[in-house]
Amino acid sequence: MISFLDFEKPVAELEARIAELRATAETGQLDLAPEIDKLEKKSTALLRSTYGKLSPWQKTQVARHPQRPHFVDYVRLMFDDFMPLGGDRRFGEDHAILGGPARLKGRKVMLIGHEKGHDTASRLKHNFGMGKPEGYRKAVRLMEMASKFGLPVVTLVDTAGAFPGVEAEERGQSEAIARSTEACLSLRVPMVAAIVGEGGSGGAVALASAERVLMLEHAVYSVISPEGASSILWRTSEKAPEAAEAMKVTAQDLLTLGVIDRIVPEPLGGAHRDAATTAQSLGTAISEELDLLASRPADQLIAQREERFLRIGRA
């Protein structure tokens, strides 16, 4: 059962009517197939119209949808032979950032990404995808392992930001994020990052400093959440929609600005409506990017990463 967002209420009403007619039709007393077909076409057209003109704030809501596929879903749908590796060899395990070797369409890769969880128990276990220092240090360890064994690195970014708790700061959160960003930039193997949901602040950049950065069509990527920016600028979170518009958080804006390199289309109505199709499109896009990078020498890959980030923001 799909959870409908506030701006999808007209679609939700049509879907509820369709469900009622189907329940009535199952009794066998009436032939309601023509009416159901008519309403289904109307619902599809309305969904297409709605998603064809989403505002940045509405895209933020889609990126945060509770049923949107996360890291574990992409592992199941896109990758084979994933072997999760844990621990930073300094403090402990962080379940917000997962990683390990895997196969993508037969190619061996090192897969790393944020996991938010799908229900209360898993969200608490994975800390809502907000990594702690040990998570980013684990990512560094896995990237260094990838360089040693010649495995290209694939990251799936989906976090509101790194965990801001006191204990994280005590264990060196900012230093861990910086080291993870440095590890990305100094990798001697190809790296492709994909923003699959939220890409929030340094917690996202620490896993997205690749030579090729992809974004799903309705994902968002920003230095701060729209609510956070609104609270700073207007002393209230109620102006988050205006902040989202000003911040250029959407994949379409970021492609124009040169922050990302490619947009991966989502199924009609968002990735949460068809995780399998989303995973297939994303897997194909990442494989194509890795094919283009496979023959490039390490020094060229490092230079490409450095150049792409230095040119962001230039006129």
Protein backbone atom coordinates (compact mmCIF):
# COMPACT_ATOMS: atom_id res chain seq x y z
CA MET A 1 0.00 0.00 0.00
CA ILE A 2 1.50 3.30 -1.13
CA SER A 3 1.62 6.16 1.38
CA PHE A 4 0.48 9.32 -0.39
CA LEU A 5 2.16 12.67 0.18
CA ASP A 6 0.12 15.81 0.85
CA PHE A 7 0.37 17.10 -2.72
CA GLU A 8 -0.84 13.71 -4.01
CA LYS A 9 -4.29 13.93 -2.37
CA PRO A 10 -6.20 14.15 -5.69
CA VAL A 11 -4.41 10.98 -6.85
CA ALA A 12 -5.13 9.31 -3.50
CA GLU A 13 -8.84 10.04 -3.88
CA LEU A 14 -8.92 8.48 -7.34
CA GLU A 15 -6.99 5.41 -6.14
CA ALA A 16 -9.42 5.00 -3.23
CA ARG A 17 -12.36 5.11 -5.67
CA ILE A 18 -10.66 2.54 -7.92
CA ALA A 19 -10.12 0.24 -4.92
CA GLU A 20 -13.82 0.53 -3.99
CA LEU A 21 -14.93 -0.34 -7.52
CA ARG A 22 -12.58 -3.33 -7.65
CA ALA A 23 -13.95 -4.62 -4.36
CA THR A 24 -17.49 -4.28 -5.72
CA ALA A 25 -16.53 -5.95 -9.02
CA GLU A 26 -15.12 -8.95 -7.16
CA THR A 27 -18.61 -9.80 -5.93
CA GLY A 28 -19.47 -10.60 -9.55
CA GLN A 29 -22.71 -8.65 -9.48
CA LEU A 30 -21.62 -5.79 -11.72
CA ASP A 31 -19.25 -5.33 -14.66
CA LEU A 32 -17.24 -2.32 -13.62
CA ALA A 33 -14.19 -2.94 -15.84
CA PRO A 34 -14.87 0.03 -18.19
CA GLU A 35 -15.29 2.44 -15.29
CA ILE A 36 -12.18 1.12 -13.52
CA ASP A 37 -10.15 1.41 -16.71
CA LYS A 38 -11.35 4.98 -17.19
CA LEU A 39 -10.39 5.96 -13.64
CA GLU A 40 -6.99 4.24 -13.90
CA LYS A 41 -6.16 6.23 -17.01
CA LYS A 42 -7.30 9.42 -15.27
CA SER A 43 -5.15 8.58 -12.22
CA THR A 44 -2.08 7.92 -14.38
CA ALA A 45 -2.56 11.18 -16.26
CA LEU A 46 -2.97 13.10 -13.01
CA LEU A 47 0.13 11.47 -11.52
CA ARG A 48 2.14 12.31 -14.65
CA SER A 49 0.93 15.92 -14.55
CA THR A 50 1.69 16.24 -10.84
CA TYR A 51 5.21 14.79 -11.06
CA GLY A 52 5.98 16.76 -14.19
CA LYS A 53 5.90 20.05 -12.26
CA LEU A 54 7.12 19.24 -8.76
CA SER A 55 8.54 22.14 -6.77
CA PRO A 56 11.91 21.75 -5.01
CA TRP A 57 10.09 21.31 -1.69
CA GLN A 58 7.84 18.62 -3.14
CA LYS A 59 10.90 16.84 -4.52
CA THR A 60 12.39 16.98 -1.03
CA GLN A 61 9.27 15.25 0.27
CA VAL A 62 9.57 12.56 -2.40
CA ALA A 63 13.26 12.06 -1.58
CA ARG A 64 12.26 11.49 2.06
CA HIS A 65 9.30 9.21 1.32
CA PRO A 66 9.22 6.44 3.96
CA GLN A 67 8.80 3.77 1.27
CA ARG A 68 11.62 5.02 -0.95
CA PRO A 69 14.19 2.25 -1.59
CA HIS A 70 17.32 2.41 0.55
CA PHE A 71 20.77 0.82 0.51
CA VAL A 72 19.59 -2.68 1.51
CA ASP A 73 16.97 -2.61 -1.26
CA TYR A 74 19.54 -1.70 -3.90
CA VAL A 75 21.84 -4.44 -2.62
CA ARG A 76 19.02 -6.94 -3.09
CA LEU A 77 17.92 -5.64 -6.49
CA MET A 78 21.18 -4.50 -8.12
CA PHE A 79 24.13 -6.36 -6.66
CA ASP A 80 25.30 -9.95 -6.24
CA ASP A 81 27.61 -11.55 -3.68
CA PHE A 82 27.58 -8.57 -1.32
CA MET A 83 29.74 -9.27 1.73
CA PRO A 84 29.22 -6.64 4.45
CA LEU A 85 32.34 -5.66 6.37
CA GLY A 86 32.07 -3.94 9.75
CA GLY A 87 34.06 -1.84 12.14
CA ASP A 88 36.52 1.02 11.86
CA ARG A 89 39.27 -0.81 13.78
CA ARG A 90 39.29 2.07 16.28
CA PHE A 91 35.97 2.34 18.08
CA GLY A 92 33.22 0.09 16.77
CA GLU A 93 30.56 -0.56 14.18
CA ASP A 94 28.24 2.07 12.70
CA HIS A 95 25.08 0.65 11.11
CA ALA A 96 24.24 3.96 9.39
CA ILE A 97 27.01 3.38 6.84
CA LEU A 98 27.26 -0.07 5.31
CA GLY A 99 29.79 -1.45 2.86
CA GLY A 100 31.72 -4.33 1.45
CA PRO A 101 32.72 -6.05 -1.81
CA ALA A 102 29.96 -6.95 -4.27
CA ARG A 103 29.31 -7.59 -7.95
CA LEU A 104 27.43 -5.21 -10.24
CA LYS A 105 26.50 -6.86 -13.54
CA GLY A 106 29.44 -9.23 -13.09
CA ARG A 107 31.97 -6.50 -12.22
CA LYS A 108 33.64 -6.64 -8.79
CA VAL A 109 33.19 -3.39 -6.88
CA MET A 110 33.49 -1.97 -3.38
CA LEU A 111 30.01 -0.83 -2.40
CA ILE A 112 29.49 1.76 0.36
CA GLY A 113 26.39 3.68 1.33
CA HIS A 114 23.98 5.08 3.90
CA GLU A 115 21.10 2.97 5.22
CA LYS A 116 18.12 4.75 6.81
CA GLY A 117 15.91 1.76 7.71
CA HIS A 118 12.26 1.11 6.87
CA ASP A 119 10.47 0.81 10.21
CA THR A 120 10.95 2.09 13.74
CA ALA A 121 13.30 -0.70 14.83
CA SER A 122 15.52 -0.56 11.74
CA ARG A 123 15.57 3.25 11.67
CA LEU A 124 16.81 3.31 15.24
CA LYS A 125 19.39 0.61 14.47
CA HIS A 126 20.69 2.53 11.46
CA ASN A 127 20.35 5.93 13.19
CA PHE A 128 18.15 7.19 10.32
CA GLY A 129 21.17 7.04 7.98
CA MET A 130 23.14 9.65 9.95
CA GLY A 131 26.72 8.40 10.09
CA LYS A 132 28.99 8.70 13.12
CA PRO A 133 32.79 9.04 13.04
CA GLU A 134 33.27 5.28 13.12
CA GLY A 135 31.04 4.98 10.04
CA TYR A 136 33.14 7.38 8.01
CA ARG A 137 36.34 5.76 9.26
CA LYS A 138 34.96 2.42 8.16
CA ALA A 139 34.30 3.95 4.74
CA VAL A 140 37.93 5.11 4.60
CA ARG A 141 39.09 1.60 5.48
CA LEU A 142 36.97 0.09 2.71
CA MET A 143 38.15 2.65 0.15
CA GLU A 144 41.77 1.92 1.03
CA MET A 145 41.03 -1.79 0.63
CA ALA A 146 39.45 -1.08 -2.77
CA SER A 147 42.58 0.75 -3.91
CA LYS A 148 44.78 -2.11 -2.71
CA PHE A 149 42.82 -4.76 -4.61
CA GLY A 150 41.92 -2.67 -7.67
CA LEU A 151 38.16 -2.55 -7.06
CA PRO A 152 36.19 0.42 -8.37
CA VAL A 153 34.18 2.15 -5.65
CA VAL A 154 30.42 2.68 -5.86
CA THR A 155 28.65 4.77 -3.22
CA LEU A 156 24.92 5.20 -2.63
CA VAL A 157 24.29 8.43 -0.74
CA ASP A 158 21.10 8.91 1.27
CA THR A 159 21.43 10.90 4.48
CA ALA A 160 20.02 14.02 6.05
CA GLY A 161 23.56 14.66 7.27
CA ALA A 162 26.18 13.27 9.61
CA PHE A 163 25.03 12.62 13.19
CA PRO A 164 25.37 15.86 15.23
CA GLY A 165 25.35 14.29 18.70
CA VAL A 166 27.80 15.16 21.46
CA GLU A 167 29.37 11.69 21.41
CA ALA A 168 30.04 12.01 17.68
CA GLU A 169 31.77 15.32 18.20
CA GLU A 170 33.80 13.81 21.05
CA ARG A 171 35.04 11.09 18.70
CA GLY A 172 36.05 13.57 15.99
CA GLN A 173 33.11 13.82 13.59
CA SER A 174 34.50 16.66 11.48
CA GLU A 175 37.92 15.03 11.21
CA ALA A 176 36.35 11.71 10.17
CA ILE A 177 34.27 13.42 7.47
CA ALA A 178 37.34 15.26 6.20
CA ARG A 179 39.36 12.04 6.09
CA SER A 180 36.59 10.28 4.18
CA THR A 181 36.41 13.12 1.66
CA GLU A 182 40.19 12.98 1.31
CA ALA A 183 40.06 9.22 0.78
CA CYS A 184 37.56 9.69 -2.06
CA LEU A 185 39.69 12.31 -3.76
CA SER A 186 42.90 10.25 -3.50
CA LEU A 187 41.47 6.91 -4.69
CA ARG A 188 43.58 5.22 -7.35
CA VAL A 189 40.57 3.34 -8.74
CA PRO A 190 37.41 4.60 -10.48
CA MET A 191 34.67 5.96 -8.23
CA VAL A 192 31.00 6.58 -9.06
CA ALA A 193 28.65 8.13 -6.49
CA ALA A 194 24.86 8.15 -6.71
CA ILE A 195 22.56 10.40 -4.66
CA VAL A 196 19.54 8.11 -4.28
CA GLY A 197 17.50 10.07 -1.71
CA GLU A 198 18.75 12.92 0.44
CA GLY A 199 22.28 14.21 0.03
CA GLY A 200 22.74 16.27 3.14
CA SER A 201 25.79 18.42 3.91
CA GLY A 202 29.25 17.04 4.64
CA GLY A 203 27.77 13.71 5.62
CA ALA A 204 26.90 13.23 1.95
CA VAL A 205 29.99 14.84 0.43
CA ALA A 206 32.19 12.44 2.43
CA LEU A 207 30.90 9.60 0.25
CA ALA A 208 30.19 11.57 -2.93
CA SER A 209 33.53 13.14 -3.85
CA ALA A 210 33.81 11.00 -6.97
CA GLU A 211 34.81 11.71 -10.56
CA ARG A 212 31.22 10.93 -11.64
CA VAL A 213 28.23 11.92 -9.49
CA LEU A 214 24.77 10.69 -10.43
CA MET A 215 21.39 11.62 -8.96
CA LEU A 216 18.02 9.96 -9.14
CA GLU A 217 15.42 12.22 -10.74
CA HIS A 218 13.64 13.15 -7.50
CA ALA A 219 16.61 13.08 -5.11
CA VAL A 220 17.91 16.25 -3.45
CA TYR A 221 21.45 17.39 -2.59
CA SER A 222 22.24 20.41 -0.44
CA VAL A 223 24.60 21.93 2.11
CA ILE A 224 21.81 22.10 4.71
CA SER A 225 18.19 20.97 4.90
CA PRO A 226 15.53 23.44 3.71
CA GLU A 227 14.16 23.53 7.26
CA GLY A 228 17.62 24.34 8.64
CA ALA A 229 18.19 27.10 6.11
CA SER A 230 14.73 28.52 6.83
CA SER A 231 15.41 28.54 10.56
CA ILE A 232 18.65 30.47 10.01
CA LEU A 233 17.34 32.97 7.47
CA TRP A 234 13.79 33.57 8.73
CA ARG A 235 13.91 32.25 12.32
CA THR A 236 11.23 29.72 11.46
CA SER A 237 11.08 26.37 9.68
CA GLU A 238 7.77 27.28 8.05
CA LYS A 239 9.53 28.88 5.09
CA ALA A 240 11.26 25.62 4.12
CA PRO A 241 9.53 25.60 0.68
CA GLU A 242 11.00 29.04 -0.10
CA ALA A 243 14.40 27.92 1.15
CA ALA A 244 14.33 24.80 -1.03
CA GLU A 245 13.56 26.96 -4.06
CA ALA A 246 16.44 29.33 -3.34
CA MET A 247 18.96 26.59 -2.52
CA LYS A 248 18.72 24.79 -5.90
CA VAL A 249 18.50 21.35 -4.29
CA THR A 250 17.04 19.39 -7.21
CA ALA A 251 18.88 17.14 -9.63
CA GLN A 252 17.80 19.34 -12.53
CA ASP A 253 19.26 22.49 -10.95
CA LEU A 254 22.45 20.75 -9.87
CA LEU A 255 23.05 19.31 -13.33
CA THR A 256 22.80 22.83 -14.76
CA LEU A 257 25.23 24.10 -12.11
CA GLY A 258 27.72 21.32 -12.81
CA VAL A 259 27.52 19.83 -9.31
CA ILE A 260 26.38 16.47 -10.68
CA ASP A 261 27.04 14.75 -13.98
CA ARG A 262 23.94 12.71 -14.79
CA ILE A 263 20.28 12.33 -13.83
CA VAL A 264 18.85 8.81 -13.61
CA PRO A 265 15.10 8.78 -14.36
CA GLU A 266 12.65 7.35 -11.85
CA PRO A 267 9.39 5.50 -12.57
CA LEU A 268 6.25 7.60 -12.79
CA GLY A 269 5.36 8.73 -9.28
CA GLY A 270 8.81 8.22 -7.78
CA ALA A 271 11.18 5.39 -6.91
CA HIS A 272 8.94 4.21 -4.06
CA ARG A 273 6.31 3.10 -6.57
CA ASP A 274 8.65 0.72 -8.42
CA ALA A 275 11.92 -0.06 -6.64
CA ALA A 276 12.88 -2.80 -9.11
CA THR A 277 12.69 -0.53 -12.16
CA THR A 278 14.57 2.20 -10.29
CA ALA A 279 17.33 -0.25 -9.36
CA GLN A 280 17.59 -1.49 -12.94
CA SER A 281 17.96 2.06 -14.30
CA LEU A 282 20.47 3.01 -11.63
CA GLY A 283 22.50 -0.17 -12.07
CA THR A 284 22.71 0.38 -15.82
CA ALA A 285 23.78 4.01 -15.38
CA ILE A 286 26.50 3.17 -12.85
CA SER A 287 27.80 0.34 -15.05
CA GLU A 288 27.99 2.65 -18.05
CA GLU A 289 29.98 5.20 -16.05
CA LEU A 290 32.37 2.52 -14.76
CA ASP A 291 32.89 1.30 -18.32
CA LEU A 292 33.97 4.81 -19.35
CA LEU A 293 36.37 5.12 -16.41
CA ALA A 294 37.82 1.61 -16.45
CA SER A 295 40.74 2.30 -18.79
CA ARG A 296 41.84 5.60 -17.26
CA PRO A 297 45.12 5.61 -15.29
CA ALA A 298 45.04 6.41 -11.56
CA ASP A 299 46.70 9.81 -11.92
CA GLN A 300 44.09 10.89 -14.47
CA LEU A 301 41.23 9.76 -12.20
CA ILE A 302 42.63 11.75 -9.27
CA ALA A 303 43.15 14.83 -11.44
CA GLN A 304 39.62 14.54 -12.82
CA ARG A 305 38.12 14.43 -9.32
CA GLU A 306 40.13 17.43 -8.20
CA GLU A 307 39.28 19.46 -11.28
CA ARG A 308 35.54 18.75 -11.14
CA PHE A 309 35.27 19.94 -7.55
CA LEU A 310 37.46 23.00 -8.01
CA ARG A 311 35.33 24.23 -10.90
CA ILE A 312 32.05 24.06 -8.92
CA GLY A 313 30.86 27.61 -8.27
CA ARG A 314 33.09 29.23 -10.84
CA ALA A 315 31.45 31.65 -13.25
